[in-house]
C-alpha cells in the first residue's frame, strides 16, 4: 500500500491531468526508527496542532504488517541514519488521498 501511494497514485494523477498530491514537512512527535542504509517510508499519523504539523509512526513498522495502515492517515519518510531520529526532527510526509488531516 505504501509503494502504491508513493509511486502509483502520482503516476495515475499525472495520466489523468490532475495535480500530484503534495508532500508536507512535519515534526516528529516521538523518535523515528531510521535505518542505517535505506530511505524509510512508514505508515503513520499526521496531525495539525495550532497551525503546526506533527506526526508519529504506527506502532507496527514491518512491511508485512497491513494492520499498521488501519489507524494511519499518511506516510512518514526519512533518509538513512545510523540512529533513530529524535522527536522534533522535521520529516517529509504524504497524506493518503482517501484520509484527512487530524487535529484542529
PDB file of N, CA and C in Angstrom:
ATOM      1  N   UNK A   1       0.817  -1.188   0.000  1.00  0.00           N
ATOM      2  CA  UNK A   1       0.000   0.000   0.000  1.00  0.00           C
ATOM      3  C   UNK A   1       0.866   1.259   0.000  1.00  0.00           C
ATOM      4  N   UNK A   2       1.969   1.217   0.736  1.00  0.00           N
ATOM      5  CA  UNK A   2       2.842   2.389   0.784  1.00  0.00           C
ATOM      6  C   UNK A   2       3.463   2.642  -0.577  1.00  0.00           C
ATOM      7  N   UNK A   3       3.955   1.601  -1.229  1.00  0.00           N
ATOM      8  CA  UNK A   3       4.523   1.769  -2.576  1.00  0.00           C
ATOM      9  C   UNK A   3       3.456   2.266  -3.548  1.00  0.00           C
ATOM     10  N   UNK A   4       2.241   1.748  -3.445  1.00  0.00           N
ATOM     11  CA  UNK A   4       1.145   2.193  -4.308  1.00  0.00           C
ATOM     12  C   UNK A   4       0.914   3.697  -4.114  1.00  0.00           C
ATOM     13  N   UNK A   5       0.867   4.124  -2.864  1.00  0.00           N
ATOM     14  CA  UNK A   5       0.602   5.525  -2.570  1.00  0.00           C
ATOM     15  C   UNK A   5       1.754   6.431  -3.002  1.00  0.00           C
ATOM     16  N   UNK A   6       2.978   5.965  -2.848  1.00  0.00           N
ATOM     17  CA  UNK A   6       4.148   6.782  -3.194  1.00  0.00           C
ATOM     18  C   UNK A   6       4.425   6.847  -4.693  1.00  0.00           C
ATOM     19  N   UNK A   7       4.166   5.760  -5.412  1.00  0.00           N
ATOM     20  CA  UNK A   7       4.568   5.701  -6.819  1.00  0.00           C
ATOM     21  C   UNK A   7       3.404   5.621  -7.810  1.00  0.00           C
ATOM     22  N   UNK A   8       2.387   4.836  -7.511  1.00  0.00           N
ATOM     23  CA  UNK A   8       1.296   4.633  -8.462  1.00  0.00           C
ATOM     24  C   UNK A   8       0.303   5.796  -8.439  1.00  0.00           C
ATOM     25  N   UNK A   9      -0.092   6.256  -7.253  1.00  0.00           N
ATOM     26  CA  UNK A   9      -1.051   7.365  -7.166  1.00  0.00           C
ATOM     27  C   UNK A   9      -0.545   8.596  -7.923  1.00  0.00           C
ATOM     28  N   UNK A  10       0.730   9.029  -7.733  1.00  0.00           N
ATOM     29  CA  UNK A  10       1.195  10.182  -8.517  1.00  0.00           C
ATOM     30  C   UNK A  10       1.172   9.925 -10.024  1.00  0.00           C
ATOM     31  N   UNK A  11       1.522   8.715 -10.448  1.00  0.00           N
ATOM     32  CA  UNK A  11       1.504   8.396 -11.885  1.00  0.00           C
ATOM     33  C   UNK A  11       0.080   8.445 -12.433  1.00  0.00           C
ATOM     34  N   UNK A  12      -0.882   7.921 -11.693  1.00  0.00           N
ATOM     35  CA  UNK A  12      -2.279   7.960 -12.128  1.00  0.00           C
ATOM     36  C   UNK A  12      -2.791   9.400 -12.200  1.00  0.00           C
ATOM     37  N   UNK A  13      -2.404  10.210 -11.224  1.00  0.00           N
ATOM     38  CA  UNK A  13      -2.819  11.622 -11.235  1.00  0.00           C
ATOM     39  C   UNK A  13      -2.283  12.319 -12.478  1.00  0.00           C
ATOM     40  N   UNK A  14      -1.018  12.104 -12.797  1.00  0.00           N
ATOM     41  CA  UNK A  14      -0.421  12.730 -13.983  1.00  0.00           C
ATOM     42  C   UNK A  14      -1.113  12.269 -15.262  1.00  0.00           C
ATOM     43  N   UNK A  15      -1.424  10.985 -15.350  1.00  0.00           N
ATOM     44  CA  UNK A  15      -2.104  10.457 -16.537  1.00  0.00           C
ATOM     45  C   UNK A  15      -3.498  11.052 -16.689  1.00  0.00           C
ATOM     46  N   UNK A  16      -4.135  11.407 -15.595  1.00  0.00           N
ATOM     47  CA  UNK A  16      -5.483  11.968 -15.628  1.00  0.00           C
ATOM     48  C   UNK A  16      -5.478  13.488 -15.712  1.00  0.00           C
ATOM     49  N   UNK A  17      -4.286  14.079 -15.763  1.00  0.00           N
ATOM     50  CA  UNK A  17      -4.192  15.527 -15.827  1.00  0.00           C
ATOM     51  C   UNK A  17      -4.497  16.213 -14.496  1.00  0.00           C
ATOM     52  N   UNK A  18      -4.425  15.467 -13.405  1.00  0.00           N
ATOM     53  CA  UNK A  18      -4.685  16.021 -12.073  1.00  0.00           C
ATOM     54  C   UNK A  18      -3.372  16.347 -11.385  1.00  0.00           C
ATOM     55  N   UNK A  19      -3.446  17.178 -10.358  1.00  0.00           N
ATOM     56  CA  UNK A  19      -2.249  17.510  -9.593  1.00  0.00           C
ATOM     57  C   UNK A  19      -1.812  16.327  -8.735  1.00  0.00           C
ATOM     58  N   UNK A  20      -0.507  16.155  -8.633  1.00  0.00           N
ATOM     59  CA  UNK A  20       0.054  15.120  -7.766  1.00  0.00           C
ATOM     60  C   UNK A  20      -0.101  15.597  -6.323  1.00  0.00           C
ATOM     61  N   UNK A  21      -0.536  14.709  -5.423  1.00  0.00           N
ATOM     62  CA  UNK A  21      -0.690  15.119  -4.015  1.00  0.00           C
ATOM     63  C   UNK A  21       0.619  15.698  -3.466  1.00  0.00           C
ATOM     64  N   UNK A  22       0.485  16.797  -2.741  1.00  0.00           N
ATOM     65  CA  UNK A  22       1.651  17.467  -2.165  1.00  0.00           C
ATOM     66  C   UNK A  22       2.189  16.715  -0.964  1.00  0.00           C
ATOM     67  N   UNK A  23       3.500  16.819  -0.784  1.00  0.00           N
ATOM     68  CA  UNK A  23       4.120  16.323   0.442  1.00  0.00           C
ATOM     69  C   UNK A  23       4.255  17.515   1.381  1.00  0.00           C
ATOM     70  N   UNK A  24       4.248  17.243   2.667  1.00  0.00           N
ATOM     71  CA  UNK A  24       4.357  18.300   3.665  1.00  0.00           C
ATOM     72  C   UNK A  24       5.502  17.991   4.617  1.00  0.00           C
ATOM     73  N   UNK A  25       6.038  19.009   5.232  1.00  0.00           N
ATOM     74  CA  UNK A  25       7.073  18.827   6.245  1.00  0.00           C
ATOM     75  C   UNK A  25       6.406  18.934   7.609  1.00  0.00           C
ATOM     76  N   UNK A  26       6.649  17.936   8.432  1.00  0.00           N
ATOM     77  CA  UNK A  26       6.085  17.896   9.786  1.00  0.00           C
ATOM     78  C   UNK A  26       7.216  17.686  10.782  1.00  0.00           C
ATOM     79  N   UNK A  27       6.880  17.701  12.055  1.00  0.00           N
ATOM     80  CA  UNK A  27       7.862  17.403  13.108  1.00  0.00           C
ATOM     81  C   UNK A  27       7.448  16.101  13.796  1.00  0.00           C
ATOM     82  N   UNK A  28       8.438  15.295  14.132  1.00  0.00           N
ATOM     83  CA  UNK A  28       8.170  14.028  14.808  1.00  0.00           C
ATOM     84  C   UNK A  28       7.689  14.250  16.238  1.00  0.00           C
ATOM     85  N   UNK A  29       6.602  13.569  16.608  1.00  0.00           N
ATOM     86  CA  UNK A  29       6.118  13.578  17.991  1.00  0.00           C
ATOM     87  C   UNK A  29       6.997  12.700  18.878  1.00  0.00           C
ATOM     88  N   UNK A  30       7.581  11.693  18.274  1.00  0.00           N
ATOM     89  CA  UNK A  30       8.385  10.723  19.012  1.00  0.00           C
ATOM     90  C   UNK A  30       9.509  10.245  18.092  1.00  0.00           C
ATOM     91  N   UNK A  31      10.515   9.543  18.606  1.00  0.00           N
ATOM     92  CA  UNK A  31      11.627   9.102  17.757  1.00  0.00           C
ATOM     93  C   UNK A  31      11.159   8.245  16.571  1.00  0.00           C
ATOM     94  N   UNK A  32      11.888   8.375  15.467  1.00  0.00           N
ATOM     95  CA  UNK A  32      11.592   7.639  14.233  1.00  0.00           C
ATOM     96  C   UNK A  32      12.635   6.540  14.077  1.00  0.00           C
ATOM     97  N   UNK A  33      12.203   5.289  13.868  1.00  0.00           N
ATOM     98  CA  UNK A  33      13.155   4.178  13.740  1.00  0.00           C
ATOM     99  C   UNK A  33      13.862   4.180  12.385  1.00  0.00           C
ATOM    100  N   UNK A  34      14.866   5.027  12.248  1.00  0.00           N
ATOM    101  CA  UNK A  34      15.594   5.140  10.980  1.00  0.00           C
ATOM    102  C   UNK A  34      16.375   3.860  10.692  1.00  0.00           C
ATOM    103  N   UNK A  35      16.803   3.731   9.451  1.00  0.00           N
ATOM    104  CA  UNK A  35      17.599   2.595   9.004  1.00  0.00           C
ATOM    105  C   UNK A  35      18.955   3.126   8.555  1.00  0.00           C
ATOM    106  N   UNK A  36      19.978   2.416   8.861  1.00  0.00           N
ATOM    107  CA  UNK A  36      21.342   2.840   8.549  1.00  0.00           C
ATOM    108  C   UNK A  36      21.597   2.981   7.051  1.00  0.00           C
ATOM    109  N   UNK A  37      20.948   2.154   6.236  1.00  0.00           N
ATOM    110  CA  UNK A  37      21.274   2.152   4.803  1.00  0.00           C
ATOM    111  C   UNK A  37      20.099   2.416   3.860  1.00  0.00           C
ATOM    112  N   UNK A  38      18.878   2.483   4.374  1.00  0.00           N
ATOM    113  CA  UNK A  38      17.721   2.652   3.486  1.00  0.00           C
ATOM    114  C   UNK A  38      16.910   3.899   3.824  1.00  0.00           C
ATOM    115  N   UNK A  39      16.361   4.509   2.781  1.00  0.00           N
ATOM    116  CA  UNK A  39      15.372   5.574   2.953  1.00  0.00           C
ATOM    117  C   UNK A  39      14.098   4.860   3.397  1.00  0.00           C
ATOM    118  N   UNK A  40      13.498   5.280   4.491  1.00  0.00           N
ATOM    119  CA  UNK A  40      12.320   4.570   5.012  1.00  0.00           C
ATOM    120  C   UNK A  40      11.036   5.323   4.741  1.00  0.00           C
ATOM    121  N   UNK A  41      10.000   4.550   4.430  1.00  0.00           N
ATOM    122  CA  UNK A  41       8.635   5.036   4.257  1.00  0.00           C
ATOM    123  C   UNK A  41       7.784   4.215   5.213  1.00  0.00           C
ATOM    124  N   UNK A  42       7.249   4.837   6.261  1.00  0.00           N
ATOM    125  CA  UNK A  42       6.455   4.099   7.246  1.00  0.00           C
ATOM    126  C   UNK A  42       5.076   4.723   7.399  1.00  0.00           C
ATOM    127  N   UNK A  43       4.086   3.859   7.605  1.00  0.00           N
ATOM    128  CA  UNK A  43       2.731   4.335   7.854  1.00  0.00           C
ATOM    129  C   UNK A  43       2.722   5.104   9.171  1.00  0.00           C
ATOM    130  N   UNK A  44       1.939   6.174   9.203  1.00  0.00           N
ATOM    131  CA  UNK A  44       1.899   6.971  10.417  1.00  0.00           C
ATOM    132  C   UNK A  44       0.656   7.837  10.497  1.00  0.00           C
ATOM    133  N   UNK A  45       0.639   8.654  11.510  1.00  0.00           N
ATOM    134  CA  UNK A  45      -0.492   9.513  11.803  1.00  0.00           C
ATOM    135  C   UNK A  45      -0.006  10.952  11.778  1.00  0.00           C
ATOM    136  N   UNK A  46      -0.582  11.772  10.912  1.00  0.00           N
ATOM    137  CA  UNK A  46      -0.202  13.170  10.747  1.00  0.00           C
ATOM    138  C   UNK A  46      -1.327  14.026  11.312  1.00  0.00           C
ATOM    139  N   UNK A  47      -0.952  15.010  12.114  1.00  0.00           N
ATOM    140  CA  UNK A  47      -1.970  15.847  12.746  1.00  0.00           C
ATOM    141  C   UNK A  47      -1.537  17.308  12.732  1.00  0.00           C
ATOM    142  N   UNK A  48      -2.522  18.167  12.892  1.00  0.00           N
ATOM    143  CA  UNK A  48      -2.295  19.604  12.986  1.00  0.00           C
ATOM    144  C   UNK A  48      -2.596  20.047  14.407  1.00  0.00           C
ATOM    145  N   UNK A  49      -1.723  20.888  14.945  1.00  0.00           N
ATOM    146  CA  UNK A  49      -1.928  21.427  16.284  1.00  0.00           C
ATOM    147  C   UNK A  49      -1.509  22.889  16.274  1.00  0.00           C
ATOM    148  N   UNK A  50      -2.484  23.777  16.405  1.00  0.00           N
ATOM    149  CA  UNK A  50      -2.242  25.226  16.419  1.00  0.00           C
ATOM    150  C   UNK A  50      -1.435  25.691  15.206  1.00  0.00           C
ATOM    151  N   UNK A  51      -1.802  25.163  14.052  1.00  0.00           N
ATOM    152  CA  UNK A  51      -1.169  25.596  12.808  1.00  0.00           C
ATOM    153  C   UNK A  51       0.133  24.895  12.461  1.00  0.00           C
ATOM    154  N   UNK A  52       0.628  24.018  13.320  1.00  0.00           N
ATOM    155  CA  UNK A  52       1.844  23.262  13.035  1.00  0.00           C
ATOM    156  C   UNK A  52       1.473  21.809  12.769  1.00  0.00           C
ATOM    157  N   UNK A  53       2.278  21.145  11.931  1.00  0.00           N
ATOM    158  CA  UNK A  53       2.048  19.746  11.617  1.00  0.00           C
ATOM    159  C   UNK A  53       3.007  18.854  12.400  1.00  0.00           C
ATOM    160  N   UNK A  54       2.460  17.772  12.922  1.00  0.00           N
ATOM    161  CA  UNK A  54       3.231  16.795  13.680  1.00  0.00           C
ATOM    162  C   UNK A  54       2.891  15.396  13.176  1.00  0.00           C
ATOM    163  N   UNK A  55       3.762  14.430  13.464  1.00  0.00           N
ATOM    164  CA  UNK A  55       3.494  13.052  13.028  1.00  0.00           C
ATOM    165  C   UNK A  55       4.099  12.056  14.012  1.00  0.00           C
ATOM    166  N   UNK A  56       3.553  10.855  13.954  1.00  0.00           N
ATOM    167  CA  UNK A  56       4.115   9.734  14.712  1.00  0.00           C
ATOM    168  C   UNK A  56       3.945   8.483  13.873  1.00  0.00           C
ATOM    169  N   UNK A  57       4.890   7.585  14.015  1.00  0.00           N
ATOM    170  CA  UNK A  57       4.902   6.340  13.255  1.00  0.00           C
ATOM    171  C   UNK A  57       3.926   5.355  13.877  1.00  0.00           C
ATOM    172  N   UNK A  58       3.277   4.563  13.019  1.00  0.00           N
ATOM    173  CA  UNK A  58       2.409   3.494  13.502  1.00  0.00           C
ATOM    174  C   UNK A  58       3.224   2.556  14.394  1.00  0.00           C
ATOM    175  N   UNK A  59       2.602   1.975  15.423  1.00  0.00           N
ATOM    176  CA  UNK A  59       3.360   1.081  16.309  1.00  0.00           C
ATOM    177  C   UNK A  59       3.885  -0.174  15.608  1.00  0.00           C
ATOM    178  N   UNK A  60       3.301  -0.544  14.491  1.00  0.00           N
ATOM    179  CA  UNK A  60       3.750  -1.734  13.752  1.00  0.00           C
ATOM    180  C   UNK A  60       4.453  -1.244  12.497  1.00  0.00           C
ATOM    181  N   UNK A  61       5.768  -1.470  12.412  1.00  0.00           N
ATOM    182  CA  UNK A  61       6.537  -0.863  11.331  1.00  0.00           C
ATOM    183  C   UNK A  61       7.056  -1.816  10.268  1.00  0.00           C
ATOM    184  N   UNK A  62       6.899  -3.095  10.420  1.00  0.00           N
ATOM    185  CA  UNK A  62       7.404  -4.018   9.402  1.00  0.00           C
ATOM    186  C   UNK A  62       6.504  -3.988   8.166  1.00  0.00           C
ATOM    187  N   UNK A  63       7.108  -4.171   6.996  1.00  0.00           N
ATOM    188  CA  UNK A  63       6.378  -4.003   5.737  1.00  0.00           C
ATOM    189  C   UNK A  63       5.215  -4.984   5.555  1.00  0.00           C
ATOM    190  N   UNK A  64       5.248  -6.136   6.199  1.00  0.00           N
ATOM    191  CA  UNK A  64       4.177  -7.124   6.040  1.00  0.00           C
ATOM    192  C   UNK A  64       2.987  -6.872   6.966  1.00  0.00           C
ATOM    193  N   UNK A  65       3.063  -5.887   7.829  1.00  0.00           N
ATOM    194  CA  UNK A  65       2.007  -5.642   8.818  1.00  0.00           C
ATOM    195  C   UNK A  65       0.973  -4.660   8.281  1.00  0.00           C
ATOM    196  N   UNK A  66      -0.012  -5.199   7.587  1.00  0.00           N
ATOM    197  CA  UNK A  66      -1.057  -4.370   6.990  1.00  0.00           C
ATOM    198  C   UNK A  66      -1.884  -3.640   8.045  1.00  0.00           C
ATOM    199  N   UNK A  67      -1.944  -4.180   9.264  1.00  0.00           N
ATOM    200  CA  UNK A  67      -2.725  -3.517  10.312  1.00  0.00           C
ATOM    201  C   UNK A  67      -2.124  -2.165  10.686  1.00  0.00           C
ATOM    202  N   UNK A  68      -0.862  -1.911  10.339  1.00  0.00           N
ATOM    203  CA  UNK A  68      -0.247  -0.609  10.605  1.00  0.00           C
ATOM    204  C   UNK A  68      -0.982   0.497   9.860  1.00  0.00           C
ATOM    205  N   UNK A  69      -1.624   0.157   8.751  1.00  0.00           N
ATOM    206  CA  UNK A  69      -2.336   1.141   7.948  1.00  0.00           C
ATOM    207  C   UNK A  69      -3.703   1.500   8.526  1.00  0.00           C
ATOM    208  N   UNK A  70      -4.243   0.652   9.397  1.00  0.00           N
ATOM    209  CA  UNK A  70      -5.609   0.837   9.887  1.00  0.00           C
ATOM    210  C   UNK A  70      -5.826   2.194  10.549  1.00  0.00           C
ATOM    211  N   UNK A  71      -4.936   2.635  11.385  1.00  0.00           N
ATOM    212  CA  UNK A  71      -5.116   3.919  12.062  1.00  0.00           C
ATOM    213  C   UNK A  71      -4.292   5.035  11.467  1.00  0.00           C
ATOM    214  N   UNK A  72      -3.689   4.780  10.312  1.00  0.00           N
ATOM    215  CA  UNK A  72      -2.795   5.759   9.698  1.00  0.00           C
ATOM    216  C   UNK A  72      -3.534   6.655   8.722  1.00  0.00           C
ATOM    217  N   UNK A  73      -3.021   7.864   8.558  1.00  0.00           N
ATOM    218  CA  UNK A  73      -3.592   8.755   7.546  1.00  0.00           C
ATOM    219  C   UNK A  73      -2.525   9.223   6.551  1.00  0.00           C
ATOM    220  N   UNK A  74      -1.329   8.631   6.651  1.00  0.00           N
ATOM    221  CA  UNK A  74      -0.293   9.020   5.707  1.00  0.00           C
ATOM    222  C   UNK A  74       0.981   8.222   5.852  1.00  0.00           C
ATOM    223  N   UNK A  75       1.999   8.695   5.130  1.00  0.00           N
ATOM    224  CA  UNK A  75       3.306   8.051   5.105  1.00  0.00           C
ATOM    225  C   UNK A  75       4.340   9.050   5.609  1.00  0.00           C
ATOM    226  N   UNK A  76       5.183   8.582   6.498  1.00  0.00           N
ATOM    227  CA  UNK A  76       6.287   9.388   7.023  1.00  0.00           C
ATOM    228  C   UNK A  76       7.559   8.830   6.407  1.00  0.00           C
ATOM    229  N   UNK A  77       8.401   9.714   5.890  1.00  0.00           N
ATOM    230  CA  UNK A  77       9.636   9.234   5.274  1.00  0.00           C
ATOM    231  C   UNK A  77      10.849   9.928   5.864  1.00  0.00           C
ATOM    232  N   UNK A  78      11.964   9.190   5.821  1.00  0.00           N
ATOM    233  CA  UNK A  78      13.215   9.746   6.337  1.00  0.00           C
ATOM    234  C   UNK A  78      14.390   9.094   5.628  1.00  0.00           C
ATOM    235  N   UNK A  79      15.467   9.856   5.423  1.00  0.00           N
ATOM    236  CA  UNK A  79      16.656   9.310   4.783  1.00  0.00           C
ATOM    237  C   UNK A  79      17.402   8.360   5.720  1.00  0.00           C
ATOM    238  N   UNK A  80      18.373   7.621   5.187  1.00  0.00           N
ATOM    239  CA  UNK A  80      19.170   6.736   6.046  1.00  0.00           C
ATOM    240  C   UNK A  80      19.817   7.512   7.194  1.00  0.00           C
ATOM    241  N   UNK A  81      19.918   6.851   8.334  1.00  0.00           N
ATOM    242  CA  UNK A  81      20.543   7.469   9.509  1.00  0.00           C
ATOM    243  C   UNK A  81      21.066   6.352  10.411  1.00  0.00           C
ATOM    244  N   UNK A  82      22.246   6.528  10.979  1.00  0.00           N
ATOM    245  CA  UNK A  82      22.778   5.480  11.855  1.00  0.00           C
ATOM    246  C   UNK A  82      22.022   5.349  13.174  1.00  0.00           C
ATOM    247  N   UNK A  83      21.245   6.376  13.528  1.00  0.00           N
ATOM    248  CA  UNK A  83      20.496   6.353  14.783  1.00  0.00           C
ATOM    249  C   UNK A  83      19.053   6.766  14.540  1.00  0.00           C
ATOM    250  N   UNK A  84      18.195   6.458  15.480  1.00  0.00           N
ATOM    251  CA  UNK A  84      16.799   6.906  15.398  1.00  0.00           C
ATOM    252  C   UNK A  84      16.768   8.433  15.351  1.00  0.00           C
ATOM    253  N   UNK A  85      15.833   8.971  14.577  1.00  0.00           N
ATOM    254  CA  UNK A  85      15.677  10.426  14.530  1.00  0.00           C
ATOM    255  C   UNK A  85      14.923  10.856  15.785  1.00  0.00           C
ATOM    256  N   UNK A  86      15.412  11.859  16.496  1.00  0.00           N
ATOM    257  CA  UNK A  86      14.752  12.253  17.747  1.00  0.00           C
ATOM    258  C   UNK A  86      13.441  13.009  17.517  1.00  0.00           C
ATOM    259  N   UNK A  87      12.599  13.021  18.528  1.00  0.00           N
ATOM    260  CA  UNK A  87      11.362  13.804  18.494  1.00  0.00           C
ATOM    261  C   UNK A  87      11.716  15.250  18.162  1.00  0.00           C
ATOM    262  N   UNK A  88      10.863  15.893  17.361  1.00  0.00           N
ATOM    263  CA  UNK A  88      11.080  17.270  16.961  1.00  0.00           C
ATOM    264  C   UNK A  88      11.797  17.422  15.631  1.00  0.00           C
ATOM    265  N   UNK A  89      12.366  16.331  15.117  1.00  0.00           N
ATOM    266  CA  UNK A  89      13.071  16.381  13.830  1.00  0.00           C
ATOM    267  C   UNK A  89      12.075  16.619  12.707  1.00  0.00           C
ATOM    268  N   UNK A  90      12.371  17.533  11.776  1.00  0.00           N
ATOM    269  CA  UNK A  90      11.493  17.716  10.616  1.00  0.00           C
ATOM    270  C   UNK A  90      11.626  16.530   9.654  1.00  0.00           C
ATOM    271  N   UNK A  91      10.498  16.027   9.171  1.00  0.00           N
ATOM    272  CA  UNK A  91      10.473  14.930   8.193  1.00  0.00           C
ATOM    273  C   UNK A  91       9.418  15.227   7.130  1.00  0.00           C
ATOM    274  N   UNK A  92       9.526  14.553   6.005  1.00  0.00           N
ATOM    275  CA  UNK A  92       8.578  14.712   4.911  1.00  0.00           C
ATOM    276  C   UNK A  92       7.464  13.686   5.059  1.00  0.00           C
ATOM    277  N   UNK A  93       6.225  14.119   4.813  1.00  0.00           N
ATOM    278  CA  UNK A  93       5.065  13.226   4.925  1.00  0.00           C
ATOM    279  C   UNK A  93       4.135  13.397   3.731  1.00  0.00           C
ATOM    280  N   UNK A  94       3.383  12.342   3.456  1.00  0.00           N
ATOM    281  CA  UNK A  94       2.337  12.372   2.429  1.00  0.00           C
ATOM    282  C   UNK A  94       1.046  11.890   3.057  1.00  0.00           C
ATOM    283  N   UNK A  95      -0.020  12.634   2.862  1.00  0.00           N
ATOM    284  CA  UNK A  95      -1.334  12.167   3.321  1.00  0.00           C
ATOM    285  C   UNK A  95      -1.893  11.172   2.316  1.00  0.00           C
ATOM    286  N   UNK A  96      -2.536  10.119   2.811  1.00  0.00           N
ATOM    287  CA  UNK A  96      -3.238   9.226   1.901  1.00  0.00           C
ATOM    288  C   UNK A  96      -4.370  10.016   1.256  1.00  0.00           C
ATOM    289  N   UNK A  97      -4.598   9.840  -0.050  1.00  0.00           N
ATOM    290  CA  UNK A  97      -5.661  10.631  -0.724  1.00  0.00           C
ATOM    291  C   UNK A  97      -7.050  10.368  -0.162  1.00  0.00           C
ATOM    292  N   UNK A  98      -7.255   9.246   0.479  1.00  0.00           N
ATOM    293  CA  UNK A  98      -8.575   8.892   0.998  1.00  0.00           C
ATOM    294  C   UNK A  98      -8.725   9.225   2.475  1.00  0.00           C
ATOM    295  N   UNK A  99      -7.720   9.839   3.098  1.00  0.00           N
ATOM    296  CA  UNK A  99      -7.792  10.205   4.516  1.00  0.00           C
ATOM    297  C   UNK A  99      -7.613  11.712   4.654  1.00  0.00           C
ATOM    298  N   UNK A 100      -7.929  12.251   5.818  1.00  0.00           N
ATOM    299  CA  UNK A 100      -7.778  13.699   6.040  1.00  0.00           C
ATOM    300  C   UNK A 100      -6.817  13.943   7.196  1.00  0.00           C
ATOM    301  N   UNK A 101      -6.448  15.198   7.329  1.00  0.00           N
ATOM    302  CA  UNK A 101      -5.547  15.631   8.378  1.00  0.00           C
ATOM    303  C   UNK A 101      -6.317  15.674   9.694  1.00  0.00           C
ATOM    304  N   UNK A 102      -5.701  15.169  10.736  1.00  0.00           N
ATOM    305  CA  UNK A 102      -6.336  15.156  12.047  1.00  0.00           C
ATOM    306  C   UNK A 102      -5.958  16.409  12.839  1.00  0.00           C
ATOM    307  N   UNK A 103      -6.790  16.773  13.758  1.00  0.00           N
ATOM    308  CA  UNK A 103      -6.470  17.889  14.644  1.00  0.00           C
ATOM    309  C   UNK A 103      -7.315  19.105  14.349  1.00  0.00           C
ATOM    310  N   UNK A 104      -6.893  20.209  14.908  1.00  0.00           N
ATOM    311  CA  UNK A 104      -7.677  21.409  14.737  1.00  0.00           C
ATOM    312  C   UNK A 104      -6.875  22.653  14.658  1.00  0.00           C
TER     313      UNK A 104
END
